[in-house]
């Protein structure tokens, strides 16, 4: 059994709104990709809010982890 095709005129969301949404998503993606890492100048990680590449971000997390482990030993 096949589904009936929806005619272009009976769309739920108007095509103008779809085009605006596509353009907004594309501009957001371009903004994320153009950023450079503040430490090494590499391409920014999309998950980083501090403008770090994935390597520098991982090094930062590792440094935090090591400093947390050393603090109880010093006290």
Protein backbone atom coordinates (compact mmCIF):
# COMPACT_ATOMS: atom_id res chain seq x y z
CA UNK A 1 0.00 0.00 0.00
CA UNK A 2 1.40 3.40 -0.95
CA UNK A 3 0.81 6.74 0.67
CA UNK A 4 -0.76 9.50 -1.29
CA UNK A 5 1.57 12.33 -2.25
CA UNK A 6 0.79 15.72 -0.77
CA UNK A 7 0.35 18.33 -3.49
CA UNK A 8 2.70 21.32 -3.25
CA UNK A 9 -0.19 23.68 -2.56
CA UNK A 10 -1.39 21.70 0.47
CA UNK A 11 1.85 21.93 2.49
CA UNK A 12 1.57 22.45 6.20
CA UNK A 13 4.43 24.97 6.39
CA UNK A 14 4.65 27.64 3.68
CA UNK A 15 7.72 27.46 1.45
CA UNK A 16 8.81 30.99 2.46
CA UNK A 17 9.13 29.96 6.09
CA UNK A 18 11.07 26.83 5.11
CA UNK A 19 13.54 28.90 3.08
CA UNK A 20 14.06 31.35 5.97
CA UNK A 21 14.69 28.47 8.36
CA UNK A 22 17.21 26.87 5.98
CA UNK A 23 19.09 30.16 5.61
CA UNK A 24 19.19 30.66 9.39
CA UNK A 25 20.62 27.19 9.97
CA UNK A 26 23.23 27.65 7.26
CA UNK A 27 24.39 30.97 8.69
CA UNK A 28 24.71 29.42 12.17
CA UNK A 29 26.86 26.62 10.78
CA UNK A 30 29.11 29.06 8.95
CA UNK A 31 29.64 31.14 12.09
CA UNK A 32 30.76 28.10 14.07
CA UNK A 33 33.17 26.86 11.44
CA UNK A 34 34.93 30.16 10.83
CA UNK A 35 36.13 30.53 14.42
CA UNK A 36 39.75 29.95 15.27
CA UNK A 37 41.17 28.51 18.45
CA UNK A 38 42.46 31.22 20.78
CA UNK A 39 45.40 29.01 21.83
CA UNK A 40 46.75 27.40 18.66
CA UNK A 41 44.79 29.07 15.83
CA UNK A 42 43.21 25.82 14.63
CA UNK A 43 39.57 25.31 13.70
CA UNK A 44 37.20 25.69 16.65
CA UNK A 45 35.30 22.74 17.99
CA UNK A 46 31.53 23.12 17.48
CA UNK A 47 30.94 22.01 21.08
CA UNK A 48 33.35 24.51 22.62
CA UNK A 49 31.93 27.74 23.99
CA UNK A 50 35.43 29.08 24.81
CA UNK A 51 36.62 29.15 21.16
CA UNK A 52 39.01 26.23 21.57
CA UNK A 53 39.83 23.48 19.10
CA UNK A 54 39.15 19.92 20.22
CA UNK A 55 42.81 19.30 21.13
CA UNK A 56 43.17 22.40 23.32
CA UNK A 57 39.76 21.72 24.86
CA UNK A 58 40.84 18.17 25.77
CA UNK A 59 44.11 19.44 27.23
CA UNK A 60 42.20 21.94 29.37
CA UNK A 61 39.86 19.23 30.68
CA UNK A 62 42.84 16.98 31.44
CA UNK A 63 44.62 19.79 33.30
CA UNK A 64 41.52 20.42 35.42
CA UNK A 65 41.27 16.73 36.22
CA UNK A 66 44.92 16.55 37.29
CA UNK A 67 44.67 19.66 39.46
CA UNK A 68 41.61 18.25 41.24
CA UNK A 69 43.49 15.05 42.04
CA UNK A 70 46.53 16.90 43.41
CA UNK A 71 44.68 19.31 45.71
CA UNK A 72 43.76 16.78 48.44
CA UNK A 73 47.35 15.54 48.54
CA UNK A 74 48.68 19.05 49.25
CA UNK A 75 46.32 19.73 52.16
